[in-house]
Amino acid sequence: MLSKKEARDYLKELPSWELSGDGKSIFCEYLMKNFIEAIHFVNRIAKVAEKEGHHPDLHLVGYRRLKIELSTHAVGGLSKNDFILAAKIDRLPRASLRGA
């Protein structure tokens, strides 16, 4: 499990992601154009996550606000895999995104 300091160091490369208060997960939020665009983005995330064998918690609230949370349940906190998947999610097409 990574320390809060290690997590903050990794987050320097991922400016759209934030560290949770307890330091055990990272998250980002997006305000999508509409419900369908949110679902399309979730499906793109799902494909990447499945290839990585590492699955985020995805929360779609109010039909277009998407929150993505990453942690490694096996270690009870953050691992390098969380930051690798976050970087891959950041590289997904964002044409349908509006900053949250």
C-alpha atoms as a PDB file:
ATOM      1  CA  MET A   1       0.000   0.000   0.000  1.00  0.00           C
ATOM      2  CA  LEU A   2       1.269   3.452  -0.907  1.00  0.00           C
ATOM      3  CA  SER A   3       1.656   6.181   1.708  1.00  0.00           C
ATOM      4  CA  LYS A   4      -0.150   9.528   1.371  1.00  0.00           C
ATOM      5  CA  LYS A   5       3.164  11.128   0.394  1.00  0.00           C
ATOM      6  CA  GLU A   6       3.761   8.558  -2.358  1.00  0.00           C
ATOM      7  CA  ALA A   7       0.184   9.032  -3.585  1.00  0.00           C
ATOM      8  CA  ARG A   8       0.611  12.827  -3.679  1.00  0.00           C
ATOM      9  CA  ASP A   9       3.812  12.381  -5.686  1.00  0.00           C
ATOM     10  CA  TYR A  10       2.020  10.196  -8.257  1.00  0.00           C
ATOM     11  CA  LEU A  11      -0.880  12.666  -8.414  1.00  0.00           C
ATOM     12  CA  LYS A  12       1.485  15.364  -9.663  1.00  0.00           C
ATOM     13  CA  GLU A  13       1.260  13.548 -13.014  1.00  0.00           C
ATOM     14  CA  LEU A  14      -2.558  13.307 -12.849  1.00  0.00           C
ATOM     15  CA  PRO A  15      -3.903  16.826 -12.235  1.00  0.00           C
ATOM     16  CA  SER A  16      -7.563  15.896 -12.723  1.00  0.00           C
ATOM     17  CA  TRP A  17      -7.421  13.327  -9.901  1.00  0.00           C
ATOM     18  CA  GLU A  18      -7.636  13.966  -6.155  1.00  0.00           C
ATOM     19  CA  LEU A  19      -6.630  12.019  -3.074  1.00  0.00           C
ATOM     20  CA  SER A  20      -9.401  11.023  -0.678  1.00  0.00           C
ATOM     21  CA  GLY A  21      -9.229  12.367   2.861  1.00  0.00           C
ATOM     22  CA  ASP A  22      -8.078   9.052   4.287  1.00  0.00           C
ATOM     23  CA  GLY A  23      -5.486   8.597   1.522  1.00  0.00           C
ATOM     24  CA  LYS A  24      -6.869   5.200   0.551  1.00  0.00           C
ATOM     25  CA  SER A  25      -8.329   6.112  -2.837  1.00  0.00           C
ATOM     26  CA  ILE A  26      -8.116   8.614  -5.665  1.00  0.00           C
ATOM     27  CA  PHE A  27     -11.038  10.076  -7.565  1.00  0.00           C
ATOM     28  CA  CYS A  28     -12.046  12.424 -10.335  1.00  0.00           C
ATOM     29  CA  GLU A  29     -15.394  13.867 -11.378  1.00  0.00           C
ATOM     30  CA  TYR A  30     -16.798  14.853 -14.748  1.00  0.00           C
ATOM     31  CA  LEU A  31     -19.942  16.648 -15.755  1.00  0.00           C
ATOM     32  CA  MET A  32     -20.991  14.933 -18.953  1.00  0.00           C
ATOM     33  CA  LYS A  33     -22.967  16.490 -21.793  1.00  0.00           C
ATOM     34  CA  ASN A  34     -25.924  14.169 -21.157  1.00  0.00           C
ATOM     35  CA  PHE A  35     -26.858  10.697 -19.895  1.00  0.00           C
ATOM     36  CA  ILE A  36     -25.995   8.865 -23.120  1.00  0.00           C
ATOM     37  CA  GLU A  37     -22.539  10.462 -23.299  1.00  0.00           C
ATOM     38  CA  ALA A  38     -21.961   9.474 -19.665  1.00  0.00           C
ATOM     39  CA  ILE A  39     -22.842   5.859 -20.444  1.00  0.00           C
ATOM     40  CA  HIS A  40     -20.576   5.843 -23.510  1.00  0.00           C
ATOM     41  CA  PHE A  41     -17.688   7.103 -21.363  1.00  0.00           C
ATOM     42  CA  VAL A  42     -18.412   4.489 -18.681  1.00  0.00           C
ATOM     43  CA  ASN A  43     -18.267   1.808 -21.387  1.00  0.00           C
ATOM     44  CA  ARG A  44     -14.888   3.112 -22.605  1.00  0.00           C
ATOM     45  CA  ILE A  45     -13.608   3.029 -19.029  1.00  0.00           C
ATOM     46  CA  ALA A  46     -14.940  -0.517 -18.620  1.00  0.00           C
ATOM     47  CA  LYS A  47     -12.969  -1.763 -21.634  1.00  0.00           C
ATOM     48  CA  VAL A  48      -9.706  -0.310 -20.329  1.00  0.00           C
ATOM     49  CA  ALA A  49     -10.370  -1.534 -16.789  1.00  0.00           C
ATOM     50  CA  GLU A  50     -11.110  -5.053 -17.991  1.00  0.00           C
ATOM     51  CA  LYS A  51      -7.866  -5.161 -19.997  1.00  0.00           C
ATOM     52  CA  GLU A  52      -5.964  -4.004 -16.914  1.00  0.00           C
ATOM     53  CA  GLY A  53      -7.770  -6.419 -14.602  1.00  0.00           C
ATOM     54  CA  HIS A  54      -8.321  -3.485 -12.251  1.00  0.00           C
ATOM     55  CA  HIS A  55     -11.808  -2.090 -11.826  1.00  0.00           C
ATOM     56  CA  PRO A  56     -12.822   1.369 -10.578  1.00  0.00           C
ATOM     57  CA  ASP A  57     -15.939   2.281  -8.681  1.00  0.00           C
ATOM     58  CA  LEU A  58     -18.111   4.283 -11.061  1.00  0.00           C
ATOM     59  CA  HIS A  59     -20.878   6.553  -9.754  1.00  0.00           C
ATOM     60  CA  LEU A  60     -23.312   8.227 -12.131  1.00  0.00           C
ATOM     61  CA  VAL A  61     -25.450  10.739 -10.262  1.00  0.00           C
ATOM     62  CA  GLY A  62     -28.057  13.175 -11.503  1.00  0.00           C
ATOM     63  CA  TYR A  63     -27.939  11.567 -14.976  1.00  0.00           C
ATOM     64  CA  ARG A  64     -24.676  13.184 -16.074  1.00  0.00           C
ATOM     65  CA  ARG A  65     -22.282  13.675 -13.155  1.00  0.00           C
ATOM     66  CA  LEU A  66     -19.728  10.863 -13.186  1.00  0.00           C
ATOM     67  CA  LYS A  67     -17.360  10.145 -10.312  1.00  0.00           C
ATOM     68  CA  ILE A  68     -14.578   7.603 -10.781  1.00  0.00           C
ATOM     69  CA  GLU A  69     -12.871   6.160  -7.698  1.00  0.00           C
ATOM     70  CA  LEU A  70      -9.809   3.944  -7.663  1.00  0.00           C
ATOM     71  CA  SER A  71      -8.264   1.895  -4.881  1.00  0.00           C
ATOM     72  CA  THR A  72      -6.812  -1.570  -4.530  1.00  0.00           C
ATOM     73  CA  HIS A  73      -9.094  -3.531  -2.243  1.00  0.00           C
ATOM     74  CA  ALA A  74      -6.546  -6.347  -1.834  1.00  0.00           C
ATOM     75  CA  VAL A  75      -4.128  -3.974  -0.052  1.00  0.00           C
ATOM     76  CA  GLY A  76      -6.739  -1.795   1.624  1.00  0.00           C
ATOM     77  CA  GLY A  77      -5.556   1.370  -0.079  1.00  0.00           C
ATOM     78  CA  LEU A  78      -3.646   2.613  -3.094  1.00  0.00           C
ATOM     79  CA  SER A  79      -1.192   0.758  -5.296  1.00  0.00           C
ATOM     80  CA  LYS A  80       0.693   1.751  -8.444  1.00  0.00           C
ATOM     81  CA  ASN A  81      -2.046   0.009 -10.462  1.00  0.00           C
ATOM     82  CA  ASP A  82      -4.526   2.693  -9.410  1.00  0.00           C
ATOM     83  CA  PHE A  83      -2.351   5.422 -10.902  1.00  0.00           C
ATOM     84  CA  ILE A  84      -1.667   3.417 -14.055  1.00  0.00           C
ATOM     85  CA  LEU A  85      -5.406   2.960 -14.650  1.00  0.00           C
ATOM     86  CA  ALA A  86      -6.088   6.629 -13.834  1.00  0.00           C
ATOM     87  CA  ALA A  87      -3.549   7.668 -16.482  1.00  0.00           C
ATOM     88  CA  LYS A  88      -5.177   5.367 -19.032  1.00  0.00           C
ATOM     89  CA  ILE A  89      -8.624   6.755 -18.214  1.00  0.00           C
ATOM     90  CA  ASP A  90      -7.231  10.276 -18.673  1.00  0.00           C
ATOM     91  CA  ARG A  91      -6.159   9.338 -22.207  1.00  0.00           C
ATOM     92  CA  LEU A  92      -9.662   8.239 -23.247  1.00  0.00           C
ATOM     93  CA  PRO A  93     -11.499  10.523 -25.699  1.00  0.00           C
ATOM     94  CA  ARG A  94     -13.071  13.431 -23.880  1.00  0.00           C
ATOM     95  CA  ALA A  95     -15.061  15.179 -26.587  1.00  0.00           C
ATOM     96  CA  SER A  96     -18.233  14.669 -24.585  1.00  0.00           C
ATOM     97  CA  LEU A  97     -16.849  15.986 -21.294  1.00  0.00           C
ATOM     98  CA  ARG A  98     -17.480  19.239 -19.546  1.00  0.00           C
ATOM     99  CA  GLY A  99     -15.180  19.890 -16.589  1.00  0.00           C
ATOM    100  CA  ALA A 100     -16.879  19.072 -13.296  1.00  0.00           C
END
